[in-house]
Protein backbone atom coordinates (compact mmCIF):
# COMPACT_ATOMS: atom_id res chain seq x y z
CA MET A 1 -74.00 123.47 185.87
CA ALA A 2 -71.02 123.37 183.50
CA ILE A 3 -71.78 123.80 179.81
CA PRO A 4 -71.54 120.37 178.12
CA VAL A 5 -68.62 119.81 175.77
CA VAL A 6 -69.01 118.06 172.41
CA ALA A 7 -65.95 116.89 170.48
CA ILE A 8 -65.94 115.89 166.80
CA VAL A 9 -63.28 113.29 166.01
CA GLY A 10 -62.40 111.04 163.09
CA ARG A 11 -59.78 110.35 160.48
CA PRO A 12 -58.70 113.08 158.04
CA ASN A 13 -60.94 114.32 155.23
CA VAL A 14 -64.27 112.92 156.47
CA GLY A 15 -65.79 116.42 156.74
CA LYS A 16 -65.41 117.15 160.45
CA SER A 17 -64.75 120.84 159.91
CA THR A 18 -67.72 121.19 157.54
CA ILE A 19 -70.07 119.71 160.15
CA PHE A 20 -68.41 121.84 162.84
CA ASN A 21 -69.10 125.02 160.84
CA ARG A 22 -72.68 123.92 160.17
CA ILE A 23 -73.39 123.37 163.86
CA ALA A 24 -71.56 126.59 164.83
CA ARG A 25 -73.55 128.47 162.14
CA GLN A 26 -70.42 130.27 161.03
CA ARG A 27 -67.23 129.53 159.14
CA ILE A 28 -64.61 128.95 161.85
CA SER A 29 -62.70 125.83 160.84
CA ILE A 30 -60.72 125.90 157.59
CA ILE A 31 -62.29 123.65 154.99
CA GLU A 32 -60.00 122.15 152.35
CA ASP A 33 -60.06 118.82 150.56
CA THR A 34 -56.65 117.94 151.94
CA PRO A 35 -56.03 115.63 154.91
CA GLY A 36 -54.45 117.26 157.95
CA VAL A 37 -55.55 120.86 157.33
CA THR A 38 -57.01 121.12 160.86
CA ARG A 39 -54.07 120.46 163.18
CA ASP A 40 -55.12 122.13 166.41
CA ARG A 41 -58.37 121.78 168.27
CA ILE A 42 -60.75 124.60 167.38
CA TYR A 43 -63.64 125.39 169.70
CA THR A 44 -66.71 127.57 169.84
CA HIS A 45 -70.07 127.84 171.59
CA SER A 46 -73.34 126.73 170.03
CA SER A 47 -76.87 125.78 171.04
CA TRP A 48 -79.73 123.53 170.02
CA LEU A 49 -83.26 123.53 171.43
CA ASN A 50 -82.24 125.85 174.30
CA HIS A 51 -79.26 123.64 175.17
CA ASP A 52 -75.97 125.56 175.17
CA PHE A 53 -72.76 123.62 174.64
CA SER A 54 -69.11 123.99 173.69
CA LEU A 55 -68.03 122.41 170.42
CA ILE A 56 -64.53 121.19 169.56
CA ASP A 57 -63.19 120.40 166.09
CA THR A 58 -60.09 118.20 166.06
CA GLY A 59 -57.42 117.32 163.56
CA GLY A 60 -57.83 114.08 161.68
CA ILE A 61 -56.45 111.06 163.55
CA GLU A 62 -53.97 108.99 161.59
CA PHE A 63 -51.62 106.24 162.71
CA SER A 64 -48.51 107.13 160.75
CA ASP A 65 -45.12 108.79 161.19
CA GLN A 66 -45.98 111.79 159.03
CA PRO A 67 -45.11 115.25 160.40
CA PHE A 68 -47.54 116.55 163.03
CA MET A 69 -49.46 113.26 163.24
CA GLU A 70 -48.40 112.62 166.84
CA GLN A 71 -49.35 116.16 167.88
CA ILE A 72 -52.72 115.85 166.12
CA ARG A 73 -53.42 112.56 167.91
CA ASN A 74 -52.50 114.17 171.23
CA GLN A 75 -54.87 117.07 170.52
CA ALA A 76 -57.68 114.66 169.66
CA GLU A 77 -57.05 112.57 172.78
CA ILE A 78 -57.27 115.69 174.94
CA ALA A 79 -60.58 116.59 173.31
CA ILE A 80 -61.87 113.05 173.88
CA ASP A 81 -60.81 113.18 177.51
CA GLU A 82 -62.52 116.53 178.15
CA ALA A 83 -65.72 115.94 176.18
CA ASP A 84 -69.08 114.90 177.61
CA VAL A 85 -70.27 113.69 174.20
CA ILE A 86 -68.11 112.53 171.27
CA VAL A 87 -69.26 112.65 167.64
CA PHE A 88 -67.27 110.06 165.70
CA MET A 89 -67.33 111.17 162.06
CA VAL A 90 -66.90 108.64 159.24
CA SER A 91 -67.51 108.87 155.48
CA ALA A 92 -70.25 107.14 153.49
CA ARG A 93 -68.10 107.34 150.34
CA GLU A 94 -65.13 105.33 151.63
CA GLY A 95 -67.05 103.03 153.98
CA VAL A 96 -65.42 101.49 157.05
CA THR A 97 -61.62 101.77 156.99
CA ASP A 98 -58.88 100.28 159.15
CA THR A 99 -58.30 103.74 160.65
CA ASP A 100 -61.99 104.00 161.57
CA GLU A 101 -61.74 100.69 163.42
CA ARG A 102 -58.62 101.78 165.32
CA ILE A 103 -60.27 105.07 166.33
CA ALA A 104 -63.32 103.10 167.48
CA GLN A 105 -61.03 101.10 169.77
CA ILE A 106 -59.76 104.35 171.33
CA LEU A 107 -63.35 105.52 171.88
CA TYR A 108 -64.30 102.24 173.58
CA ARG A 109 -61.58 102.85 176.17
CA ALA A 110 -62.71 106.45 176.71
CA LYS A 111 -66.00 105.21 178.21
CA LYS A 112 -67.84 108.30 176.98
CA ASP A 113 -71.13 108.72 175.12
CA VAL A 114 -70.24 108.29 171.44
CA ILE A 115 -72.50 109.16 168.49
CA LEU A 116 -71.58 107.68 165.12
CA ALA A 117 -72.20 110.18 162.30
CA VAL A 118 -71.85 109.03 158.69
CA ASN A 119 -71.01 112.14 156.67
CA LYS A 120 -71.15 112.64 152.89
CA ALA A 121 -74.44 110.75 152.69
CA ASP A 122 -75.56 113.21 150.03
CA ASN A 123 -78.22 111.13 148.25
CA PRO A 124 -80.95 108.67 149.36
CA GLU A 125 -78.94 105.61 148.34
CA GLN A 126 -75.97 106.69 150.49
CA ARG A 127 -78.26 107.49 153.42
CA GLN A 128 -79.69 103.98 153.32
CA ASP A 129 -76.46 102.11 152.62
CA ILE A 130 -74.87 102.63 156.03
CA TYR A 131 -75.24 99.15 157.48
CA ASP A 132 -71.53 98.38 157.28
CA PHE A 133 -70.89 100.96 160.01
CA TYR A 134 -72.72 98.82 162.56
CA THR A 135 -69.55 96.71 162.59
CA LEU A 136 -67.84 99.51 164.53
CA GLY A 137 -70.01 98.59 167.51
CA LEU A 138 -71.00 102.18 168.36
CA GLY A 139 -74.75 101.96 167.98
CA ASP A 140 -77.01 103.29 165.25
CA PRO A 141 -75.15 105.37 162.65
CA ILE A 142 -76.75 108.71 161.76
CA PRO A 143 -76.42 109.72 158.09
CA VAL A 144 -75.62 113.40 157.53
CA SER A 145 -74.45 115.62 154.70
CA GLY A 146 -72.15 118.49 155.57
CA SER A 147 -72.37 119.92 152.06
CA GLN A 148 -76.18 119.93 152.00
CA GLY A 149 -76.92 120.27 155.72
CA THR A 150 -79.27 117.27 155.79
CA GLY A 151 -79.49 115.05 158.86
CA LEU A 152 -78.01 117.68 161.20
CA GLY A 153 -81.26 118.05 163.15
CA ASP A 154 -81.29 114.32 163.94
CA LEU A 155 -77.61 114.48 164.89
CA LEU A 156 -78.13 117.47 167.21
CA ASP A 157 -81.19 115.84 168.80
CA GLU A 158 -79.06 112.82 169.62
CA ILE A 159 -76.22 115.00 170.95
CA VAL A 160 -78.36 116.97 173.41
CA SER A 161 -80.09 113.78 174.59
CA LYS A 162 -76.68 112.62 175.88
CA PHE A 163 -75.93 115.74 177.93
CA PRO A 164 -75.36 115.08 181.63
CA VAL A 165 -78.23 115.82 184.00
CA GLU A 166 -77.69 118.65 186.46
CA ASN A 167 -76.43 117.46 189.84
CA GLU A 168 -79.28 117.62 192.35
CA ASP A 169 -76.75 117.99 195.18
CA GLU A 170 -76.09 121.58 194.03
CA VAL A 171 -78.90 122.94 196.17
CA GLU A 172 -80.26 126.46 196.01
CA ASP A 173 -78.65 127.66 199.24
CA THR A 174 -75.14 126.87 198.01
CA ILE A 175 -73.14 129.84 196.71
CA LYS A 176 -70.86 128.84 193.85
CA PHE A 177 -67.81 131.03 193.29
CA SER A 178 -64.75 130.75 191.07
CA LEU A 179 -61.29 132.27 191.15
CA ILE A 180 -60.10 133.67 187.84
CA GLY A 181 -57.01 135.54 186.73
CA ARG A 182 -53.94 135.25 184.62
CA PRO A 183 -51.45 132.51 185.55
CA ASN A 184 -49.31 132.74 188.68
CA VAL A 185 -51.34 135.32 190.60
CA GLY A 186 -51.81 132.87 193.46
CA LYS A 187 -55.27 131.43 192.89
CA SER A 188 -54.37 127.94 194.03
CA SER A 189 -52.62 129.31 197.11
CA LEU A 190 -55.79 131.25 197.96
CA VAL A 191 -57.83 128.06 197.64
CA ASN A 192 -55.53 126.27 200.06
CA SER A 193 -55.51 129.14 202.53
CA ILE A 194 -59.28 129.51 202.51
CA LEU A 195 -59.73 125.80 203.08
CA GLY A 196 -56.87 125.57 205.55
CA GLU A 197 -55.52 122.47 203.87
CA GLN A 198 -53.64 121.42 200.75
CA ARG A 199 -56.38 120.47 198.29
CA VAL A 200 -54.76 121.88 195.13
CA ILE A 201 -51.19 121.64 193.84
CA VAL A 202 -49.37 124.92 194.49
CA SER A 203 -46.49 125.83 192.21
CA ASN A 204 -44.76 128.89 190.82
CA ILE A 205 -44.95 127.39 187.34
CA GLU A 206 -47.63 129.16 185.32
CA GLY A 207 -50.42 126.89 184.21
CA THR A 208 -50.05 124.22 186.93
CA THR A 209 -53.82 124.08 187.32
CA ARG A 210 -55.24 122.76 184.05
CA ASP A 211 -58.84 122.02 185.01
CA ALA A 212 -61.51 123.62 187.14
CA ILE A 213 -61.51 121.91 190.53
CA ASP A 214 -64.65 122.07 192.70
CA THR A 215 -64.37 122.02 196.48
CA ARG A 216 -67.30 122.31 198.85
CA PHE A 217 -67.13 123.75 202.34
CA THR A 218 -69.33 125.37 204.98
CA ASP A 219 -68.44 128.45 207.01
CA GLU A 220 -69.08 128.95 210.72
CA THR A 221 -72.57 130.38 210.03
CA GLY A 222 -73.63 127.25 208.16
CA GLN A 223 -73.51 128.84 204.70
CA LYS A 224 -72.57 126.28 202.05
CA PHE A 225 -70.07 127.19 199.33
CA THR A 226 -68.75 125.49 196.21
CA MET A 227 -65.34 126.88 195.30
CA ILE A 228 -64.11 126.48 191.73
CA ASP A 229 -60.40 126.97 191.10
CA THR A 230 -59.55 127.52 187.43
CA ALA A 231 -56.53 127.41 185.20
CA GLY A 232 -54.99 130.82 184.55
CA ILE A 233 -56.15 132.50 181.36
CA ARG A 234 -53.20 133.31 179.13
CA LYS A 235 -52.88 135.95 176.46
CA ARG A 236 -54.26 134.61 173.21
CA GLY A 237 -50.85 134.85 171.55
CA LYS A 238 -49.33 132.70 174.28
CA VAL A 239 -51.95 129.96 174.27
CA TYR A 240 -49.76 127.41 172.58
CA GLU A 241 -49.44 124.39 174.86
CA SER A 242 -51.55 121.40 173.92
CA THR A 243 -53.64 121.73 177.08
CA GLU A 244 -53.63 125.54 177.42
CA LYS A 245 -56.27 126.25 174.78
CA TYR A 246 -58.74 124.08 176.57
CA ALA A 247 -57.82 125.62 179.93
CA VAL A 248 -59.15 128.96 178.65
CA MET A 249 -62.48 127.39 177.76
CA ARG A 250 -62.67 125.55 181.08
CA ALA A 251 -62.15 128.85 182.91
CA GLN A 252 -65.00 130.38 180.93
CA SER A 253 -67.17 127.36 181.76
CA ALA A 254 -66.35 127.82 185.45
CA ILE A 255 -67.47 131.46 185.21
CA ASP A 256 -70.71 130.37 183.53
CA ARG A 257 -71.68 128.17 186.49
CA SER A 258 -70.54 130.57 189.19
CA ASP A 259 -72.69 132.95 191.17
CA VAL A 260 -69.73 135.04 192.28
CA VAL A 261 -66.32 135.49 190.66
CA LEU A 262 -63.17 136.38 192.58
CA PHE A 263 -60.98 138.27 190.13
CA VAL A 264 -57.45 137.76 191.47
CA ILE A 265 -54.68 140.28 190.77
CA ASP A 266 -51.01 140.03 191.72
CA GLY A 267 -50.44 142.95 194.10
CA GLU A 268 -46.68 142.81 193.62
CA SER A 269 -46.63 143.03 189.80
CA GLY A 270 -49.76 145.17 189.63
CA LEU A 271 -52.49 145.36 187.02
CA ARG A 272 -51.63 144.23 183.51
CA GLU A 273 -53.46 144.52 180.23
CA GLN A 274 -54.33 140.84 180.31
CA ASP A 275 -56.01 141.31 183.71
CA LYS A 276 -58.58 143.58 182.08
CA LYS A 277 -59.39 140.97 179.45
CA VAL A 278 -59.72 138.25 182.06
CA ALA A 279 -62.13 140.39 184.11
CA GLY A 280 -64.09 141.09 180.95
CA TYR A 281 -65.12 137.44 180.73
CA ALA A 282 -66.89 137.64 184.09
CA HIS A 283 -68.33 141.11 183.52
CA GLU A 284 -69.84 140.14 180.17
CA ALA A 285 -71.30 136.99 181.75
CA GLY A 286 -73.14 139.20 184.27
CA ARG A 287 -71.60 137.57 187.34
CA ALA A 288 -71.10 139.24 190.70
CA ILE A 289 -67.43 140.20 191.03
CA ILE A 290 -65.01 140.80 193.89
CA ILE A 291 -61.53 142.12 193.05
CA VAL A 292 -58.97 140.28 195.17
CA VAL A 293 -55.50 141.81 195.27
CA ASN A 294 -53.26 138.93 196.37
CA LYS A 295 -49.61 138.89 197.57
CA TRP A 296 -50.18 142.15 199.46
CA ASP A 297 -47.57 141.03 202.02
CA LEU A 298 -44.87 141.39 199.32
CA VAL A 299 -45.75 144.99 198.47
CA LYS A 300 -43.57 147.79 199.88
CA LYS A 301 -45.99 150.15 201.57
CA ASN A 302 -46.37 153.64 202.88
CA ILE A 303 -49.39 155.34 204.39
CA ASN A 304 -51.15 155.82 201.02
CA THR A 305 -50.19 152.60 199.20
CA MET A 306 -53.61 150.94 199.40
CA GLN A 307 -55.45 154.13 198.44
CA LYS A 308 -53.21 154.72 195.42
CA PHE A 309 -53.56 151.11 194.30
CA THR A 310 -57.34 151.38 194.60
CA GLU A 311 -57.42 154.61 192.58
CA LYS A 312 -55.30 152.98 189.87
CA LEU A 313 -57.63 149.97 189.69
CA ARG A 314 -60.72 152.15 189.55
CA GLY A 315 -59.19 154.24 186.79
CA GLU A 316 -58.20 151.28 184.63
CA LEU A 317 -61.19 149.05 185.39
CA GLN A 318 -63.96 151.61 185.12
CA TYR A 319 -66.51 149.04 184.00
CA LEU A 320 -65.96 147.25 187.35
CA ASP A 321 -66.69 150.30 189.49
CA TYR A 322 -69.34 148.24 191.33
CA ALA A 323 -66.88 145.52 192.42
CA PRO A 324 -65.53 145.71 195.99
CA ILE A 325 -61.74 145.46 196.38
CA VAL A 326 -60.05 143.46 199.13
CA PHE A 327 -56.27 143.25 199.71
CA VAL A 328 -55.16 139.82 200.94
CA SER A 329 -52.21 137.50 201.33
CA ALA A 330 -52.57 133.77 200.79
CA ILE A 331 -49.31 133.26 202.71
CA THR A 332 -50.03 135.32 205.85
CA LYS A 333 -53.84 134.90 205.51
CA GLN A 334 -54.24 138.65 205.89
CA ARG A 335 -57.93 139.62 205.46
CA LEU A 336 -58.84 136.19 204.09
CA ASN A 337 -61.49 135.93 206.80
CA GLN A 338 -63.33 138.79 205.05
CA LEU A 339 -63.86 136.85 201.83
CA PRO A 340 -66.69 134.46 202.82
CA GLU A 341 -68.77 137.31 204.28
CA LEU A 342 -68.11 139.48 201.23
CA ILE A 343 -69.09 136.63 198.90
CA LYS A 344 -72.37 136.22 200.80
CA THR A 345 -73.05 139.96 200.60
CA VAL A 346 -72.60 140.27 196.84
CA SER A 347 -74.55 137.03 196.33
CA VAL A 348 -77.50 138.57 198.18
CA ASN A 349 -77.14 141.79 196.18
CA GLN A 350 -77.23 140.01 192.82
CA GLN A 351 -80.55 138.41 193.85
CA ARG A 352 -82.10 141.63 195.13
CA ARG A 353 -85.58 142.48 193.84
CA VAL A 354 -87.16 145.92 193.99
CA GLN A 355 -90.87 146.63 193.71
CA SER A 356 -91.95 148.58 190.64
CA SER A 357 -93.62 151.30 192.74
CA ILE A 358 -90.35 151.97 194.59
CA LEU A 359 -88.37 151.86 191.34
CA ASN A 360 -90.56 154.52 189.81
CA ASP A 361 -90.17 156.78 192.83
CA VAL A 362 -86.42 156.59 192.17
CA LEU A 363 -87.05 157.28 188.47
CA LEU A 364 -89.08 160.43 189.22
CA LYS A 365 -86.37 161.79 191.51
CA ALA A 366 -83.66 160.94 188.94
CA VAL A 367 -85.46 162.76 186.13
CA ALA A 368 -85.97 165.74 188.43
CA ILE A 369 -82.21 165.84 189.14
CA THR A 370 -81.16 165.37 185.51
CA PRO A 371 -83.89 165.77 182.88
CA THR A 372 -83.94 163.36 179.98
CA PRO A 373 -81.86 164.45 176.95
CA THR A 374 -83.13 165.85 173.68
CA VAL A 375 -81.75 164.38 170.45
CA LYS A 376 -82.40 166.19 167.14
CA GLY A 377 -85.29 168.08 168.66
CA LYS A 378 -86.94 164.99 170.16
CA ARG A 379 -86.91 164.47 173.92
CA LEU A 380 -86.46 161.06 175.51
CA ARG A 381 -89.32 160.07 177.78
CA VAL A 382 -88.87 157.28 180.34
CA TYR A 383 -92.37 156.25 181.38
CA TYR A 384 -91.58 153.63 184.02
CA LEU A 385 -89.11 150.99 185.22
CA THR A 386 -89.73 147.37 186.15
CA GLN A 387 -87.38 144.58 187.24
CA VAL A 388 -87.54 141.45 185.08
CA ALA A 389 -84.66 139.26 186.32
CA ILE A 390 -81.94 138.67 188.92
CA LYS A 391 -78.38 137.32 188.65
CA PRO A 392 -77.71 140.01 187.49
CA PRO A 393 -80.50 142.44 188.43
CA THR A 394 -82.11 143.35 185.11
CA PHE A 395 -84.52 146.24 184.57
CA VAL A 396 -86.64 147.28 181.60
CA ALA A 397 -87.14 151.00 180.97
CA PHE A 398 -90.24 151.70 178.88
CA VAL A 399 -89.51 154.72 176.71
CA ASN A 400 -90.94 156.60 173.75
CA ASP A 401 -87.97 155.78 171.49
CA PRO A 402 -85.12 153.39 172.45
CA GLU A 403 -82.74 155.17 170.03
CA LEU A 404 -82.98 158.31 172.21
CA PHE A 405 -81.91 156.35 175.30
CA HIS A 406 -78.21 157.18 175.08
CA PHE A 407 -75.65 155.13 176.97
CA SER A 408 -74.75 158.09 179.16
CA TYR A 409 -78.31 158.47 180.44
CA GLN A 410 -78.59 154.71 180.98
CA ARG A 411 -75.46 154.89 183.12
CA PHE A 412 -76.92 157.84 185.05
CA LEU A 413 -80.06 155.84 185.89
CA ILE A 414 -77.98 152.81 186.89
CA ASN A 415 -75.97 155.02 189.24
CA GLN A 416 -79.24 156.30 190.74
CA LEU A 417 -80.32 152.71 191.34
CA ARG A 418 -77.02 151.96 193.04
CA ALA A 419 -77.37 155.06 195.21
CA SER A 420 -80.85 153.93 196.30
CA PHE A 421 -80.25 150.19 196.77
CA ASP A 422 -77.26 148.03 197.68
CA PHE A 423 -76.16 146.46 194.41
CA SER A 424 -72.45 146.45 195.28
CA GLY A 425 -70.58 143.60 193.65
CA THR A 426 -73.09 142.94 190.90
CA PRO A 427 -73.52 144.42 187.43
CA ILE A 428 -76.91 145.92 186.53
CA HIS A 429 -78.53 145.49 183.14
CA LEU A 430 -80.90 148.20 181.93
CA ILE A 431 -82.86 147.43 178.76
CA PRO A 432 -84.79 150.15 176.88
CA ARG A 433 -88.07 149.08 175.36
CA GLN A 434 -90.57 151.14 173.40
CA ARG A 435 -93.92 151.49 175.08
CA LYS A 436 -96.73 150.49 172.80
């Protein structure tokens, strides 16, 4: 399921950024007692009571001809459009203003869940004197104080109560996969070619796809898939369009709800620095990954072209050494028929479980091949392994001292696991824990 999105909107100088920083538990938005300081949308991830969500701070909405006001309104409207829950922030000190009423009219038309938060209710009198805000017609106002942090628990309780319920149609036997990559590598063309029909707009203009688009299909074996096409992830320095910043977050949200990620590279232009950063999103999220080299029909080839390209990828993407590589063409459909089967294979691998007795046989053989290291006269001892999770496969190694469990030896044990079991396509997490 996609991570819910919460947007904070309101007129300038009502304390939106202060509340944003409080909920985010860090100072992200600039706080200054001057209207219009926050011009762009600012977003982060947060959580409350085991509910993860994305949080957006917006510039203050004003209805004037001052510089940047139109851009700020556009930014806020985008946030309203993309949010699952909207926190409408007003101020207890100024009471209901004409601007508040005009913003309320915009929120009526949005037809989204709206929570009315009355900020700057710093003392008991202000927390009780909020009845005027009922005139906005947005339900019970919740008094909060950004400066003191009071009332935030009630506000967050109300926010998470509005989160959408997971779609029951997304059954367990459906494999969800997304296509990620920098703009213009041919993700939308791949979607169309896999489906055999034009479901997504195809264009050579970078950033044509703004949102994640879900498409369900079934292959000839009866396996159900949900395919998520995403907007291309730009370099941070180039994320300047009003909708581009949110496209980055939507791509990350698509990764979060995917089982398998197809990391798409342009075979003609080759691997770029930004490709590595894009792949890092999926790797850090622990998703199964397939590297898809698209536009292979446009590449001038000789007998060793594919081998050299593979060696280059392996050298520059060493942290993805577990990911299979497939060379395809969305135009000629070369090797596209391999993708569904490969997706199924890595999906099975990321759910693989291994009995503890078998794991420890592998551990004994590994230690016999390469004994545990000694650090400052103290030898690492790995007593036993056990698997604690899947998606990705996660193992706990009980040791005498976790600080002795150097990264290099962790990687050695992971490689021994890969040599013994088919974990191709999926990362493996190995967690050291001191045996008591």
